[in-house]
């Protein structure tokens, strides 16, 4: 399983840095900015494609494998209906935002990508529920692998590379997701313990909807404040909208990569926290360990972005780099520490079933986030959106930390907080010295990373025994 996980991470890294990045360089900031705005618009309403059906069917089938005989087909029909609702909702919202003709054509392609991806996740969840974890792990990379092969060829073949268009990028994803979905469906049919009957049970949706409504609302609210940035940049910046959206996407790409680490860690923490809460065990020690693991990593990424932001963006985009990329990237990367805190503490609240608290926090954040975006983007363009993300995420982190402290009566430890701040200050001071005496950016970043690793053990944030304890809890 570790090998499958490593391959997944490798494929994602290749996709982000070798394909997605080069697509933006080839198509330009404006074309890619439009694509990213539509992509985020689709993500905002993505909960309409699922509404908790995947989680519900996975639980039921994992408990009794023969239930797949009727559950899979019922859920499939429901997802098709939800797909129509999703398309109508997003197109209606896009029309209200002023998108027309060619824009709606590109949006339709992006929405088909979202539909196929959601369906693929659903089919794979059934395979995982049947305990075929390695098969699911392999299927998880089929779509990206196909995209890398096809899109990579289009980007490097001299006959077509010069005329690469953003539509090719969309069509490649649609074709790859379709093939991956077809393969996953065939695999599921073959491994299913009983023959799947294709009939519809509408009563299932009512029970699933009642069960999933608080969670669905939470996902929708979080999607709004986490994914509305590019859409609002593209709409509020006038003639510069597409360009500014592309500029923002280029800087946000690395934050997105860093957030993969946070999401994976949250996935490890959720079942561990759930088990501890069920057994009425104290969660404070594990919470402290999680913060000690994630925050130094987040601080290191932010410090490096602060001192070498222009160098990093130049290495990534070369001639595609534009003025302001470095500052934009640095501001966005300081949102990574609060993202990590949010992943840890919101995962604890989710494991406890505290969706009402999380929904209240998210509703407040949505209002603040959209208001700040409206005010700051109009004055500072993409940089205004970056400052909004920074302010919003630190506020979210503060809210979920306060909620967790009240819910679990967690101890207040100012010395622990001071230790993290001292780590940050020491690393920043060392990075300043390295910047001064080592002009080569790659070597300077490498030296700073070495200092960061040494400080991790000096401050005893990471120890071999603590990491082993976390993995043993996960396995248990």
Foldseek 3Di string as FASTA:
>chain_A
DVVLVVVLLVLVVCCLQVFVLLLCLQADQQQVLLLLLLLLLLQLLLLLLPLQLLVVVLVVCLVPVQVQQESVQQSVVVSVVSLVVSVVVSVVVVVVLPDDDPSVVSSVLSSLLSSLVSLLSSLLSSVVSVVPVVVSSVLSCQLSVQLCVVSVCQCPPPVRNNPDHVVVSSVSSNVSSVVSSVVSVVVCCVPRPDHHDNDHDVVVVVVSNVVRVLVSLLSSLVSLLVRNQSNLLLRQVPPCSSNLSSLLCLLCSVVVSLVVVLVVVLVLVLVLLLVCVVVVHACQVVLLLQLLVQQLVLLLQLLLLVLCQVVVSCVRNPVSDDPPSSVLNNLLSLLNNLSNLLSSLVSNCVSVVVSVQSSVLSVVLSVQLVVQSNVQCNPPRSSSNSNSSNVSSNSSSVSSVVVSCVVNVHDDDVVSVVLSVVLSVVLSVVLVVLVVPPVPSVVSSVVSVVVSVVVSVVSVSDDPVSVVVSVVSSVD
